[in-house]
C-alpha atoms as a PDB file:
ATOM      1  CA  UNK A   1      65.381  -1.317   1.879  1.00  0.00           C
ATOM      2  CA  UNK A   2      66.162  -3.085  -1.384  1.00  0.00           C
ATOM      3  CA  UNK A   3      69.651  -3.256  -2.861  1.00  0.00           C
ATOM      4  CA  UNK A   4      70.420  -0.669  -5.575  1.00  0.00           C
ATOM      5  CA  UNK A   5      72.362  -3.074  -7.787  1.00  0.00           C
ATOM      6  CA  UNK A   6      73.854  -6.554  -8.009  1.00  0.00           C
ATOM      7  CA  UNK A   7      76.968  -5.658  -9.977  1.00  0.00           C
ATOM      8  CA  UNK A   8      78.700  -2.387  -9.211  1.00  0.00           C
ATOM      9  CA  UNK A   9      79.751  -0.172 -12.137  1.00  0.00           C
ATOM     10  CA  UNK A  10      77.483  -2.026 -14.598  1.00  0.00           C
ATOM     11  CA  UNK A  11      74.615  -0.601 -16.602  1.00  0.00           C
ATOM     12  CA  UNK A  12      72.242  -3.037 -14.971  1.00  0.00           C
ATOM     13  CA  UNK A  13      68.733  -3.870 -16.150  1.00  0.00           C
ATOM     14  CA  UNK A  14      66.303  -5.602 -13.825  1.00  0.00           C
ATOM     15  CA  UNK A  15      63.707  -7.899 -15.421  1.00  0.00           C
ATOM     16  CA  UNK A  16      60.496  -9.476 -14.200  1.00  0.00           C
ATOM     17  CA  UNK A  17      57.245 -10.814 -15.644  1.00  0.00           C
ATOM     18  CA  UNK A  18      53.557 -10.858 -14.762  1.00  0.00           C
ATOM     19  CA  UNK A  19      50.793 -13.255 -15.721  1.00  0.00           C
ATOM     20  CA  UNK A  20      52.701 -16.502 -15.906  1.00  0.00           C
ATOM     21  CA  UNK A  21      50.092 -18.465 -13.953  1.00  0.00           C
ATOM     22  CA  UNK A  22      47.015 -17.077 -15.692  1.00  0.00           C
ATOM     23  CA  UNK A  23      44.482 -19.017 -17.727  1.00  0.00           C
ATOM     24  CA  UNK A  24      43.883 -16.143 -20.145  1.00  0.00           C
ATOM     25  CA  UNK A  25      45.673 -13.198 -21.644  1.00  0.00           C
ATOM     26  CA  UNK A  26      49.302 -12.510 -22.448  1.00  0.00           C
ATOM     27  CA  UNK A  27      52.388 -12.624 -20.282  1.00  0.00           C
ATOM     28  CA  UNK A  28      53.931  -9.201 -19.768  1.00  0.00           C
ATOM     29  CA  UNK A  29      57.498  -8.405 -18.778  1.00  0.00           C
ATOM     30  CA  UNK A  30      59.444  -5.257 -18.069  1.00  0.00           C
ATOM     31  CA  UNK A  31      63.078  -4.215 -18.038  1.00  0.00           C
ATOM     32  CA  UNK A  32      64.234  -1.246 -15.963  1.00  0.00           C
ATOM     33  CA  UNK A  33      67.582   0.498 -15.673  1.00  0.00           C
ATOM     34  CA  UNK A  34      67.951   2.765 -12.642  1.00  0.00           C
ATOM     35  CA  UNK A  35      70.723   5.253 -11.899  1.00  0.00           C
ATOM     36  CA  UNK A  36      73.490   3.792  -9.673  1.00  0.00           C
ATOM     37  CA  UNK A  37      72.613   5.979  -6.687  1.00  0.00           C
ATOM     38  CA  UNK A  38      68.856   5.714  -7.054  1.00  0.00           C
ATOM     39  CA  UNK A  39      66.817   5.230  -3.893  1.00  0.00           C
ATOM     40  CA  UNK A  40      63.090   4.805  -3.436  1.00  0.00           C
ATOM     41  CA  UNK A  41      62.018   3.349  -0.085  1.00  0.00           C
ATOM     42  CA  UNK A  42      58.533   2.633  -1.435  1.00  0.00           C
ATOM     43  CA  UNK A  43      59.718   0.183  -4.077  1.00  0.00           C
ATOM     44  CA  UNK A  44      58.986  -3.462  -3.340  1.00  0.00           C
ATOM     45  CA  UNK A  45      57.777  -6.645  -4.973  1.00  0.00           C
ATOM     46  CA  UNK A  46      54.512  -5.708  -6.711  1.00  0.00           C
ATOM     47  CA  UNK A  47      52.681  -8.536  -4.912  1.00  0.00           C
ATOM     48  CA  UNK A  48      53.386  -6.813  -1.584  1.00  0.00           C
ATOM     49  CA  UNK A  49      51.798  -3.511  -2.654  1.00  0.00           C
ATOM     50  CA  UNK A  50      48.240  -2.279  -2.958  1.00  0.00           C
ATOM     51  CA  UNK A  51      46.919  -1.600  -6.442  1.00  0.00           C
ATOM     52  CA  UNK A  52      46.837   2.138  -5.756  1.00  0.00           C
ATOM     53  CA  UNK A  53      50.451   2.124  -4.576  1.00  0.00           C
ATOM     54  CA  UNK A  54      51.585   0.132  -7.631  1.00  0.00           C
ATOM     55  CA  UNK A  55      50.198   2.772  -9.962  1.00  0.00           C
ATOM     56  CA  UNK A  56      51.731   5.582  -7.931  1.00  0.00           C
ATOM     57  CA  UNK A  57      55.098   3.851  -8.127  1.00  0.00           C
ATOM     58  CA  UNK A  58      54.713   3.256 -11.860  1.00  0.00           C
ATOM     59  CA  UNK A  59      54.602   7.018 -12.359  1.00  0.00           C
ATOM     60  CA  UNK A  60      57.724   7.436 -10.218  1.00  0.00           C
ATOM     61  CA  UNK A  61      59.606   4.631 -11.998  1.00  0.00           C
ATOM     62  CA  UNK A  62      58.816   5.973 -15.457  1.00  0.00           C
ATOM     63  CA  UNK A  63      59.867   9.460 -14.373  1.00  0.00           C
ATOM     64  CA  UNK A  64      63.088   8.430 -12.648  1.00  0.00           C
ATOM     65  CA  UNK A  65      64.436   5.448 -14.600  1.00  0.00           C
ATOM     66  CA  UNK A  66      67.406   5.803 -16.920  1.00  0.00           C
ATOM     67  CA  UNK A  67      65.416   3.529 -19.263  1.00  0.00           C
ATOM     68  CA  UNK A  68      62.395   1.262 -19.069  1.00  0.00           C
ATOM     69  CA  UNK A  69      60.368  -0.858 -21.467  1.00  0.00           C
ATOM     70  CA  UNK A  70      57.648  -3.493 -21.544  1.00  0.00           C
ATOM     71  CA  UNK A  71      57.484  -6.686 -23.625  1.00  0.00           C
ATOM     72  CA  UNK A  72      54.469  -8.880 -24.364  1.00  0.00           C
ATOM     73  CA  UNK A  73      53.830 -12.449 -25.566  1.00  0.00           C
ATOM     74  CA  UNK A  74      50.195 -13.245 -26.301  1.00  0.00           C
ATOM     75  CA  UNK A  75      48.268 -16.394 -25.434  1.00  0.00           C
ATOM     76  CA  UNK A  76      48.573 -17.890 -28.941  1.00  0.00           C
ATOM     77  CA  UNK A  77      52.345 -17.703 -28.785  1.00  0.00           C
ATOM     78  CA  UNK A  78      52.311 -18.999 -25.192  1.00  0.00           C
ATOM     79  CA  UNK A  79      50.436 -22.087 -26.391  1.00  0.00           C
ATOM     80  CA  UNK A  80      52.945 -22.585 -29.181  1.00  0.00           C
ATOM     81  CA  UNK A  81      56.206 -22.254 -27.233  1.00  0.00           C
ATOM     82  CA  UNK A  82      55.121 -22.879 -23.577  1.00  0.00           C
ATOM     83  CA  UNK A  83      54.836 -20.399 -20.728  1.00  0.00           C
ATOM     84  CA  UNK A  84      58.442 -20.589 -19.501  1.00  0.00           C
ATOM     85  CA  UNK A  85      59.857 -19.741 -22.921  1.00  0.00           C
ATOM     86  CA  UNK A  86      57.168 -17.109 -23.396  1.00  0.00           C
ATOM     87  CA  UNK A  87      58.056 -15.434 -20.089  1.00  0.00           C
ATOM     88  CA  UNK A  88      61.715 -15.239 -21.051  1.00  0.00           C
ATOM     89  CA  UNK A  89      60.831 -14.059 -24.566  1.00  0.00           C
ATOM     90  CA  UNK A  90      58.711 -11.254 -23.098  1.00  0.00           C
ATOM     91  CA  UNK A  91      61.725 -10.158 -21.034  1.00  0.00           C
ATOM     92  CA  UNK A  92      63.936 -10.285 -24.135  1.00  0.00           C
ATOM     93  CA  UNK A  93      61.414  -8.100 -25.962  1.00  0.00           C
ATOM     94  CA  UNK A  94      61.449  -5.611 -23.106  1.00  0.00           C
ATOM     95  CA  UNK A  95      65.262  -5.529 -23.234  1.00  0.00           C
ATOM     96  CA  UNK A  96      65.124  -5.020 -27.011  1.00  0.00           C
ATOM     97  CA  UNK A  97      62.953  -1.939 -26.486  1.00  0.00           C
ATOM     98  CA  UNK A  98      65.259  -0.227 -23.986  1.00  0.00           C
ATOM     99  CA  UNK A  99      66.752   3.044 -25.174  1.00  0.00           C
ATOM    100  CA  UNK A 100      69.944   2.261 -23.215  1.00  0.00           C
ATOM    101  CA  UNK A 101      71.893  -0.973 -23.710  1.00  0.00           C
ATOM    102  CA  UNK A 102      72.554  -2.862 -20.449  1.00  0.00           C
ATOM    103  CA  UNK A 103      75.913  -4.423 -19.666  1.00  0.00           C
ATOM    104  CA  UNK A 104      74.438  -6.732 -17.045  1.00  0.00           C
ATOM    105  CA  UNK A 105      70.961  -8.169 -16.479  1.00  0.00           C
ATOM    106  CA  UNK A 106      69.381  -9.352 -13.235  1.00  0.00           C
ATOM    107  CA  UNK A 107      66.308 -11.542 -13.550  1.00  0.00           C
ATOM    108  CA  UNK A 108      63.682 -12.583 -11.030  1.00  0.00           C
ATOM    109  CA  UNK A 109      63.585 -16.381 -10.809  1.00  0.00           C
ATOM    110  CA  UNK A 110      65.998 -19.180 -11.624  1.00  0.00           C
ATOM    111  CA  UNK A 111      65.652 -19.686 -15.392  1.00  0.00           C
ATOM    112  CA  UNK A 112      67.062 -17.664 -18.271  1.00  0.00           C
ATOM    113  CA  UNK A 113      68.052 -17.873 -21.903  1.00  0.00           C
ATOM    114  CA  UNK A 114      71.051 -15.879 -23.178  1.00  0.00           C
ATOM    115  CA  UNK A 115      70.116 -12.418 -24.386  1.00  0.00           C
ATOM    116  CA  UNK A 116      72.027 -10.785 -27.231  1.00  0.00           C
ATOM    117  CA  UNK A 117      71.719  -7.204 -28.424  1.00  0.00           C
ATOM    118  CA  UNK A 118      72.214  -8.556 -31.948  1.00  0.00           C
ATOM    119  CA  UNK A 119      72.378 -12.043 -33.399  1.00  0.00           C
ATOM    120  CA  UNK A 120      76.165 -12.190 -33.778  1.00  0.00           C
ATOM    121  CA  UNK A 121      76.958 -10.579 -30.404  1.00  0.00           C
ATOM    122  CA  UNK A 122      78.084 -12.241 -27.198  1.00  0.00           C
ATOM    123  CA  UNK A 123      75.274 -12.706 -24.660  1.00  0.00           C
ATOM    124  CA  UNK A 124      74.857  -9.895 -22.152  1.00  0.00           C
ATOM    125  CA  UNK A 125      75.984 -11.242 -18.751  1.00  0.00           C
ATOM    126  CA  UNK A 126      72.978 -12.126 -16.619  1.00  0.00           C
ATOM    127  CA  UNK A 127      72.261 -13.307 -13.093  1.00  0.00           C
ATOM    128  CA  UNK A 128      69.067 -15.053 -11.993  1.00  0.00           C
ATOM    129  CA  UNK A 129      67.885 -14.241  -8.474  1.00  0.00           C
ATOM    130  CA  UNK A 130      65.143 -16.193  -6.730  1.00  0.00           C
ATOM    131  CA  UNK A 131      62.648 -13.728  -5.227  1.00  0.00           C
ATOM    132  CA  UNK A 132      64.728 -10.958  -6.733  1.00  0.00           C
ATOM    133  CA  UNK A 133      61.725  -8.635  -6.824  1.00  0.00           C
ATOM    134  CA  UNK A 134      61.995  -8.431  -3.040  1.00  0.00           C
ATOM    135  CA  UNK A 135      65.775  -7.899  -3.075  1.00  0.00           C
ATOM    136  CA  UNK A 136      66.760  -5.466  -5.859  1.00  0.00           C
ATOM    137  CA  UNK A 137      65.258  -2.122  -6.812  1.00  0.00           C
ATOM    138  CA  UNK A 138      65.375  -2.580 -10.567  1.00  0.00           C
ATOM    139  CA  UNK A 139      63.668  -5.981 -10.442  1.00  0.00           C
ATOM    140  CA  UNK A 140      61.002  -4.616  -8.096  1.00  0.00           C
ATOM    141  CA  UNK A 141      60.473  -1.721 -10.515  1.00  0.00           C
ATOM    142  CA  UNK A 142      60.155  -4.160 -13.410  1.00  0.00           C
ATOM    143  CA  UNK A 143      57.623  -6.240 -11.466  1.00  0.00           C
ATOM    144  CA  UNK A 144      55.471  -3.144 -10.915  1.00  0.00           C
ATOM    145  CA  UNK A 145      55.533  -2.109 -14.572  1.00  0.00           C
ATOM    146  CA  UNK A 146      54.806  -5.616 -15.830  1.00  0.00           C
ATOM    147  CA  UNK A 147      51.937  -6.071 -13.366  1.00  0.00           C
ATOM    148  CA  UNK A 148      50.251  -2.705 -13.937  1.00  0.00           C
ATOM    149  CA  UNK A 149      50.493  -2.766 -17.731  1.00  0.00           C
ATOM    150  CA  UNK A 150      49.122  -6.300 -17.822  1.00  0.00           C
ATOM    151  CA  UNK A 151      46.293  -5.325 -15.467  1.00  0.00           C
ATOM    152  CA  UNK A 152      45.435  -2.430 -17.785  1.00  0.00           C
ATOM    153  CA  UNK A 153      45.229  -4.834 -20.716  1.00  0.00           C
ATOM    154  CA  UNK A 154      43.047  -7.328 -18.848  1.00  0.00           C
ATOM    155  CA  UNK A 155      40.601  -4.569 -17.927  1.00  0.00           C
ATOM    156  CA  UNK A 156      40.389  -3.675 -21.611  1.00  0.00           C
ATOM    157  CA  UNK A 157      39.547  -7.197 -22.790  1.00  0.00           C
ATOM    158  CA  UNK A 158      37.158  -7.580 -19.846  1.00  0.00           C
ATOM    159  CA  UNK A 159      34.896  -5.145 -21.707  1.00  0.00           C
ATOM    160  CA  UNK A 160      34.736  -7.665 -24.553  1.00  0.00           C
ATOM    161  CA  UNK A 161      34.082 -10.690 -22.310  1.00  0.00           C
ATOM    162  CA  UNK A 162      32.729  -9.375 -18.987  1.00  0.00           C
ATOM    163  CA  UNK A 163      31.411 -12.764 -17.840  1.00  0.00           C
ATOM    164  CA  UNK A 164      34.930 -13.983 -16.985  1.00  0.00           C
ATOM    165  CA  UNK A 165      35.636 -11.250 -14.420  1.00  0.00           C
ATOM    166  CA  UNK A 166      39.034 -10.282 -15.815  1.00  0.00           C
ATOM    167  CA  UNK A 167      38.719  -6.808 -14.325  1.00  0.00           C
ATOM    168  CA  UNK A 168      39.118  -8.425 -10.902  1.00  0.00           C
ATOM    169  CA  UNK A 169      40.822 -11.825 -11.381  1.00  0.00           C
ATOM    170  CA  UNK A 170      43.087 -10.553 -14.212  1.00  0.00           C
ATOM    171  CA  UNK A 171      42.925 -13.959 -15.870  1.00  0.00           C
ATOM    172  CA  UNK A 172      44.144 -15.985 -12.886  1.00  0.00           C
ATOM    173  CA  UNK A 173      42.411 -19.308 -12.111  1.00  0.00           C
ATOM    174  CA  UNK A 174      39.826 -18.137  -9.594  1.00  0.00           C
ATOM    175  CA  UNK A 175      36.823 -20.350  -8.924  1.00  0.00           C
ATOM    176  CA  UNK A 176      34.505 -17.873 -10.679  1.00  0.00           C
ATOM    177  CA  UNK A 177      36.806 -17.700 -13.718  1.00  0.00           C
ATOM    178  CA  UNK A 178      36.833 -21.477 -14.095  1.00  0.00           C
ATOM    179  CA  UNK A 179      33.077 -21.617 -13.626  1.00  0.00           C
ATOM    180  CA  UNK A 180      32.641 -19.038 -16.403  1.00  0.00           C
ATOM    181  CA  UNK A 181      34.791 -21.173 -18.711  1.00  0.00           C
ATOM    182  CA  UNK A 182      32.639 -24.189 -17.880  1.00  0.00           C
ATOM    183  CA  UNK A 183      29.426 -22.277 -18.637  1.00  0.00           C
ATOM    184  CA  UNK A 184      30.453 -20.080 -21.578  1.00  0.00           C
ATOM    185  CA  UNK A 185      33.430 -21.930 -23.046  1.00  0.00           C
ATOM    186  CA  UNK A 186      36.900 -20.637 -23.852  1.00  0.00           C
ATOM    187  CA  UNK A 187      37.598 -17.361 -25.636  1.00  0.00           C
ATOM    188  CA  UNK A 188      40.245 -16.329 -28.133  1.00  0.00           C
ATOM    189  CA  UNK A 189      42.236 -14.998 -25.168  1.00  0.00           C
ATOM    190  CA  UNK A 190      42.394 -18.271 -23.215  1.00  0.00           C
ATOM    191  CA  UNK A 191      45.551 -20.377 -23.107  1.00  0.00           C
ATOM    192  CA  UNK A 192      44.345 -23.614 -24.613  1.00  0.00           C
ATOM    193  CA  UNK A 193      47.322 -25.646 -23.354  1.00  0.00           C
ATOM    194  CA  UNK A 194      46.472 -24.713 -19.756  1.00  0.00           C
ATOM    195  CA  UNK A 195      44.193 -26.706 -17.471  1.00  0.00           C
ATOM    196  CA  UNK A 196      41.255 -24.321 -17.757  1.00  0.00           C
ATOM    197  CA  UNK A 197      38.819 -26.333 -15.644  1.00  0.00           C
ATOM    198  CA  UNK A 198      41.108 -27.926 -13.125  1.00  0.00           C
ATOM    199  CA  UNK A 199      39.970 -31.474 -12.300  1.00  0.00           C
ATOM    200  CA  UNK A 200      37.032 -31.165 -14.714  1.00  0.00           C
ATOM    201  CA  UNK A 201      39.297 -30.588 -17.724  1.00  0.00           C
ATOM    202  CA  UNK A 202      38.464 -33.827 -19.517  1.00  0.00           C
ATOM    203  CA  UNK A 203      34.761 -32.998 -19.543  1.00  0.00           C
ATOM    204  CA  UNK A 204      35.309 -29.688 -21.299  1.00  0.00           C
ATOM    205  CA  UNK A 205      34.562 -29.128 -24.966  1.00  0.00           C
ATOM    206  CA  UNK A 206      36.574 -26.082 -26.058  1.00  0.00           C
ATOM    207  CA  UNK A 207      34.637 -23.278 -27.710  1.00  0.00           C
ATOM    208  CA  UNK A 208      35.756 -20.998 -30.491  1.00  0.00           C
END
């Protein structure tokens, strides 16, 4: 059973991202605020759940959450600012979109940049938690939303470029994905600062 909160009596938002290690597509993040007494024994780190169960839980999270939102940073911006900054920016965008302002933030991982509700405000207190998506309900909920909404997007762009298999690999560096890049070149959705071909990178001539 995951913990309901990190800081008692706070309006606490859990944040997580999906797609950080992908070769193509955006990074997605979510922020979720749950009621203090909320319990859902099915909630867990999205990586520990089947695809079917993730989508079932997404419906439950969206129904039950005090507030939830998703933020996105596309591959062009990832290339410009790097994936770590892009992941944090996606979480900031999710927090910006919340209908309820958090008084504390818990973040999966060990890196963070101060988040302010407005430019001249003090940063909202935040705590980073390694493997937090397996420890706290709100982070687990955020991991599920980020993962499922990103998967939905990758299935959509798969229709445009079916040869890369994004409906199954979701943009991650599978052998078949890298082979498709070698054969067909890179697309407008690929992260051009990433090592698209692995050890064969230097032999690759990027396409349009």
